[in-house]
């Protein structure tokens, strides 16, 4: 009888413990301002559909990686791959970053709509950003000094731009202005007739003009085909393989709803 009672208590205890497993109530995203619009759109949809709260912060790709390593976010949003140093730091904390590609993005090189320059080569863009070309007249534009706009060092978009256009380890001219987000770059270029900057494709609108790079304009078709030379993937990073509602969220780019949101925001489905 005593043995039966002990067995019953053990079974009840096990059942209570199993039932008390707390489901994920909040998914926390942090990182890239480029991935931000997709993350926010996904968050609103996911909360509405599944009742799971999703918070999104846009502190930059570098801070997103730090947040994942420190355990302060569920999903890091990056507009570049995690760096070797970040992966090493993650390993020391027992974190195993797993990347999922959310969408593809073209890095659009933008100028003021009044600027007559419509096309540049990667070599010319690199020369502008390193200071070898300083006046628009050197590349078929007006006789005016070029105002160079870049992103802050923590930006994944800045890293991608350096890797794809300027070259790793190449120094950008010291007089280049630094802006903190895609939106602030767009605002500065749209209000400055002699400026040049770079934006994620989803941020380009009529307030700025995207120029062709090596003869190819950035759009959904050229990014998807690989013909546009300044394109990169956008990422979700999780600690280990995602499961449960986190996996549902990370898998949204594979769904019809997710693909629709990506397209609506001007980014490119894989």
Protein backbone atom coordinates (compact mmCIF):
# COMPACT_ATOMS: atom_id res chain seq x y z
CA UNK A 1 0.00 0.00 0.00
CA UNK A 2 2.80 2.39 0.97
CA UNK A 3 4.64 1.53 -2.25
CA UNK A 4 1.49 2.31 -4.25
CA UNK A 5 1.09 5.67 -2.48
CA UNK A 6 4.74 6.58 -3.13
CA UNK A 7 4.34 5.65 -6.79
CA UNK A 8 1.18 7.76 -7.05
CA UNK A 9 2.94 10.77 -5.45
CA UNK A 10 5.87 10.38 -7.84
CA UNK A 11 3.55 10.24 -10.84
CA UNK A 12 1.62 13.29 -9.67
CA UNK A 13 4.87 15.19 -9.08
CA UNK A 14 6.16 14.31 -12.57
CA UNK A 15 2.86 15.35 -14.14
CA UNK A 16 2.89 18.67 -12.26
CA UNK A 17 6.47 19.38 -13.31
CA UNK A 18 5.73 18.54 -16.94
CA UNK A 19 2.67 20.75 -16.95
CA UNK A 20 4.53 23.65 -15.36
CA UNK A 21 7.00 24.01 -18.23
CA UNK A 22 6.58 27.68 -19.09
CA UNK A 23 5.93 28.28 -22.79
CA UNK A 24 7.72 31.18 -24.47
CA UNK A 25 5.62 34.28 -23.83
CA UNK A 26 7.96 36.84 -25.39
CA UNK A 27 10.38 36.64 -28.31
CA UNK A 28 13.03 39.35 -28.15
CA UNK A 29 14.81 40.51 -31.31
CA UNK A 30 17.72 42.93 -31.44
CA UNK A 31 20.13 44.08 -34.10
CA UNK A 32 20.14 45.43 -37.65
CA UNK A 33 18.22 48.54 -38.70
CA UNK A 34 18.06 47.03 -42.20
CA UNK A 35 16.33 43.87 -40.97
CA UNK A 36 14.20 46.03 -38.66
CA UNK A 37 11.21 46.59 -40.97
CA UNK A 38 10.94 42.87 -41.72
CA UNK A 39 11.34 41.98 -38.04
CA UNK A 40 8.65 44.48 -37.01
CA UNK A 41 6.24 43.30 -39.69
CA UNK A 42 6.81 39.69 -38.69
CA UNK A 43 6.37 40.63 -35.01
CA UNK A 44 2.99 42.30 -35.54
CA UNK A 45 1.76 39.37 -37.63
CA UNK A 46 3.05 36.75 -35.19
CA UNK A 47 1.50 38.40 -32.13
CA UNK A 48 -1.81 38.78 -33.92
CA UNK A 49 -1.84 35.17 -35.15
CA UNK A 50 -0.34 33.29 -32.21
CA UNK A 51 -0.73 35.62 -29.23
CA UNK A 52 3.01 35.58 -28.54
CA UNK A 53 4.49 38.98 -27.72
CA UNK A 54 7.47 39.91 -29.91
CA UNK A 55 9.69 42.91 -29.16
CA UNK A 56 12.07 44.37 -31.72
CA UNK A 57 15.06 46.65 -31.07
CA UNK A 58 17.36 48.10 -33.72
CA UNK A 59 20.70 48.73 -32.04
CA UNK A 60 22.83 47.59 -34.99
CA UNK A 61 24.13 44.23 -36.15
CA UNK A 62 27.11 44.31 -33.81
CA UNK A 63 24.92 44.92 -30.77
CA UNK A 64 22.52 42.23 -31.95
CA UNK A 65 25.38 39.73 -31.93
CA UNK A 66 26.37 40.89 -28.43
CA UNK A 67 22.79 40.52 -27.22
CA UNK A 68 22.64 36.92 -28.45
CA UNK A 69 25.99 36.12 -26.84
CA UNK A 70 24.91 37.70 -23.55
CA UNK A 71 21.52 36.00 -23.59
CA UNK A 72 19.54 39.24 -23.68
CA UNK A 73 17.72 38.46 -26.93
CA UNK A 74 16.07 35.39 -28.41
CA UNK A 75 16.94 36.24 -32.00
CA UNK A 76 19.73 38.49 -33.26
CA UNK A 77 19.01 40.26 -36.54
CA UNK A 78 22.12 40.85 -38.64
CA UNK A 79 22.69 42.32 -42.08
CA UNK A 80 26.02 40.50 -42.28
CA UNK A 81 27.34 37.14 -41.08
CA UNK A 82 28.63 36.94 -37.54
CA UNK A 83 32.37 37.64 -37.36
CA UNK A 84 34.94 35.07 -36.26
CA UNK A 85 35.57 37.08 -33.07
CA UNK A 86 31.84 37.08 -32.28
CA UNK A 87 31.57 33.34 -32.88
CA UNK A 88 34.58 32.77 -30.60
CA UNK A 89 33.03 34.97 -27.89
CA UNK A 90 29.79 33.01 -28.23
CA UNK A 91 31.60 29.71 -27.75
CA UNK A 92 33.21 30.94 -24.52
CA UNK A 93 29.70 31.71 -23.20
CA UNK A 94 28.31 28.33 -24.27
CA UNK A 95 26.26 29.93 -27.05
CA UNK A 96 25.94 28.21 -30.43
CA UNK A 97 24.84 30.76 -33.05
CA UNK A 98 22.71 29.26 -35.82
CA UNK A 99 22.00 31.43 -38.86
CA UNK A 100 18.81 31.53 -40.91
CA UNK A 101 18.66 33.66 -44.06
CA UNK A 102 15.59 35.90 -43.89
CA UNK A 103 15.84 37.61 -47.26
CA UNK A 104 18.26 39.04 -49.79
CA UNK A 105 19.03 42.73 -49.96
CA UNK A 106 20.67 45.00 -52.50
CA UNK A 107 22.84 47.77 -51.12
CA UNK A 108 21.68 50.73 -53.17
CA UNK A 109 24.15 53.56 -53.79
CA UNK A 110 22.02 56.71 -53.60
CA UNK A 111 22.39 60.35 -54.58
CA UNK A 112 20.10 63.37 -54.59
CA UNK A 113 17.39 63.17 -57.30
CA UNK A 114 18.77 66.35 -58.92
CA UNK A 115 22.20 64.82 -59.42
CA UNK A 116 22.71 64.04 -63.13
CA UNK A 117 25.02 61.09 -62.37
CA UNK A 118 23.08 57.88 -63.08
CA UNK A 119 25.76 55.20 -63.00
CA UNK A 120 29.05 54.49 -61.22
CA UNK A 121 31.49 51.62 -61.21
CA UNK A 122 32.48 49.88 -57.99
CA UNK A 123 35.96 51.31 -58.51
CA UNK A 124 34.58 54.85 -58.71
CA UNK A 125 32.46 54.37 -55.57
CA UNK A 126 35.49 53.01 -53.74
CA UNK A 127 37.52 56.02 -54.89
CA UNK A 128 34.83 58.39 -53.60
CA UNK A 129 34.78 56.76 -50.19
CA UNK A 130 38.56 56.59 -49.86
CA UNK A 131 39.06 60.19 -51.00
CA UNK A 132 40.66 59.68 -54.41
CA UNK A 133 37.61 61.22 -56.11
CA UNK A 134 36.38 64.34 -54.30
CA UNK A 135 34.40 66.33 -56.89
CA UNK A 136 31.36 65.25 -58.91
CA UNK A 137 32.89 66.72 -62.08
CA UNK A 138 35.50 63.93 -61.99
CA UNK A 139 32.74 61.42 -62.75
CA UNK A 140 30.43 63.37 -65.05
CA UNK A 141 28.57 65.43 -62.48
CA UNK A 142 28.51 69.12 -61.50
CA UNK A 143 31.51 71.03 -60.25
CA UNK A 144 30.79 70.41 -56.56
CA UNK A 145 32.55 68.67 -53.72
CA UNK A 146 31.09 65.27 -52.85
CA UNK A 147 29.52 64.93 -49.40
CA UNK A 148 30.27 61.33 -48.40
CA UNK A 149 27.81 59.63 -46.05
CA UNK A 150 28.65 56.38 -44.28
CA UNK A 151 27.17 54.26 -41.47
CA UNK A 152 28.57 53.84 -37.96
CA UNK A 153 31.17 51.13 -37.30
CA UNK A 154 28.65 48.90 -35.49
CA UNK A 155 26.49 48.68 -38.60
CA UNK A 156 26.26 45.45 -40.55
CA UNK A 157 25.41 47.52 -43.62
CA UNK A 158 28.70 49.40 -43.21
CA UNK A 159 30.54 46.08 -42.96
CA UNK A 160 28.82 44.77 -46.09
CA UNK A 161 29.60 47.96 -47.98
CA UNK A 162 33.27 47.72 -47.09
CA UNK A 163 33.45 44.05 -48.01
CA UNK A 164 31.57 44.40 -51.30
CA UNK A 165 32.76 47.80 -52.53
CA UNK A 166 35.65 49.44 -50.71
CA UNK A 167 37.60 46.39 -49.58
CA UNK A 168 38.29 44.87 -46.18
CA UNK A 169 40.76 46.89 -44.17
CA UNK A 170 40.63 49.86 -46.56
CA UNK A 171 40.27 53.16 -44.74
CA UNK A 172 37.28 55.37 -45.56
CA UNK A 173 38.16 59.08 -45.77
CA UNK A 174 38.18 60.83 -42.42
CA UNK A 175 35.81 63.59 -43.51
CA UNK A 176 32.99 61.15 -44.32
CA UNK A 177 29.85 61.91 -42.30
CA UNK A 178 28.48 59.09 -40.14
CA UNK A 179 24.79 58.36 -39.78
CA UNK A 180 23.20 55.89 -37.37
CA UNK A 181 20.57 54.23 -39.55
CA UNK A 182 19.27 53.68 -43.07
CA UNK A 183 16.61 56.30 -42.40
CA UNK A 184 19.10 58.95 -41.33
CA UNK A 185 21.30 58.27 -44.37
CA UNK A 186 18.28 58.66 -46.64
CA UNK A 187 17.25 61.87 -44.91
CA UNK A 188 20.74 63.37 -45.27
CA UNK A 189 21.11 62.43 -48.94
CA UNK A 190 17.59 63.59 -49.81
CA UNK A 191 18.31 67.02 -48.35
CA UNK A 192 21.84 67.41 -49.72
CA UNK A 193 22.22 67.82 -53.52
CA UNK A 194 25.93 66.88 -53.48
CA UNK A 195 25.73 63.86 -51.16
CA UNK A 196 26.23 60.14 -51.76
CA UNK A 197 25.27 57.30 -49.42
CA UNK A 198 24.17 53.68 -49.33
CA UNK A 199 20.91 52.08 -48.19
CA UNK A 200 19.22 48.74 -47.93
CA UNK A 201 16.98 48.27 -50.97
CA UNK A 202 13.80 48.36 -48.90
CA UNK A 203 14.57 51.94 -47.81
CA UNK A 204 14.90 53.44 -51.30
CA UNK A 205 12.07 55.76 -52.33
CA UNK A 206 11.59 58.84 -54.52
CA UNK A 207 13.38 61.10 -52.05
CA UNK A 208 16.70 59.67 -53.28
CA UNK A 209 18.00 58.24 -56.57
CA UNK A 210 19.69 54.85 -56.79
CA UNK A 211 22.49 54.76 -59.34
CA UNK A 212 23.47 51.78 -61.46
CA UNK A 213 26.59 49.96 -60.25
CA UNK A 214 28.72 48.43 -63.00
CA UNK A 215 25.80 49.12 -65.32
CA UNK A 216 23.14 47.35 -63.20
CA UNK A 217 20.38 49.06 -61.23
CA UNK A 218 19.36 47.57 -57.87
CA UNK A 219 15.91 46.00 -57.89
CA UNK A 220 14.23 42.75 -56.91
CA UNK A 221 15.02 41.09 -60.23
CA UNK A 222 18.73 42.00 -60.36
CA UNK A 223 19.32 41.13 -56.70
CA UNK A 224 17.55 37.78 -57.07
CA UNK A 225 19.45 36.90 -60.25
CA UNK A 226 22.79 37.91 -58.74
CA UNK A 227 23.50 40.42 -61.50
CA UNK A 228 23.51 43.38 -59.10
CA UNK A 229 27.05 43.40 -57.67
CA UNK A 230 26.33 44.87 -54.23
CA UNK A 231 23.91 42.37 -52.66
CA UNK A 232 23.95 40.43 -49.39
CA UNK A 233 21.77 38.11 -47.29
CA UNK A 234 19.94 39.25 -44.15
CA UNK A 235 19.98 36.94 -41.13
CA UNK A 236 18.20 35.74 -38.02
CA UNK A 237 20.61 34.18 -35.50
CA UNK A 238 19.44 31.93 -32.66
CA UNK A 239 21.30 30.13 -29.89
CA UNK A 240 21.18 26.58 -31.23
CA UNK A 241 18.55 25.22 -33.57
CA UNK A 242 15.29 27.09 -32.94
CA UNK A 243 12.35 25.17 -31.52
CA UNK A 244 8.70 25.74 -30.70
CA UNK A 245 7.34 29.23 -31.30
CA UNK A 246 10.84 30.58 -31.96
CA UNK A 247 11.16 28.13 -34.86
CA UNK A 248 7.72 29.20 -36.09
CA UNK A 249 8.93 32.80 -36.11
CA UNK A 250 12.28 32.03 -37.75
CA UNK A 251 10.49 29.97 -40.41
CA UNK A 252 8.17 32.84 -41.41
CA UNK A 253 10.27 33.68 -44.53
CA UNK A 254 9.30 30.23 -45.89
CA UNK A 255 5.57 30.92 -45.59
CA UNK A 256 3.29 32.72 -48.01
CA UNK A 257 2.55 35.36 -45.38
CA UNK A 258 6.23 35.94 -44.67
CA UNK A 259 7.15 36.12 -48.35
CA UNK A 260 4.38 38.64 -48.88
CA UNK A 261 5.68 40.87 -46.09
CA UNK A 262 9.24 40.70 -47.41
CA UNK A 263 8.13 41.66 -50.90
CA UNK A 264 5.87 44.45 -49.64
CA UNK A 265 8.81 45.99 -47.77
CA UNK A 266 10.96 46.04 -50.89
CA UNK A 267 13.32 43.21 -49.97
CA UNK A 268 13.93 40.05 -51.95
CA UNK A 269 12.71 36.53 -51.19
CA UNK A 270 15.24 33.76 -51.65
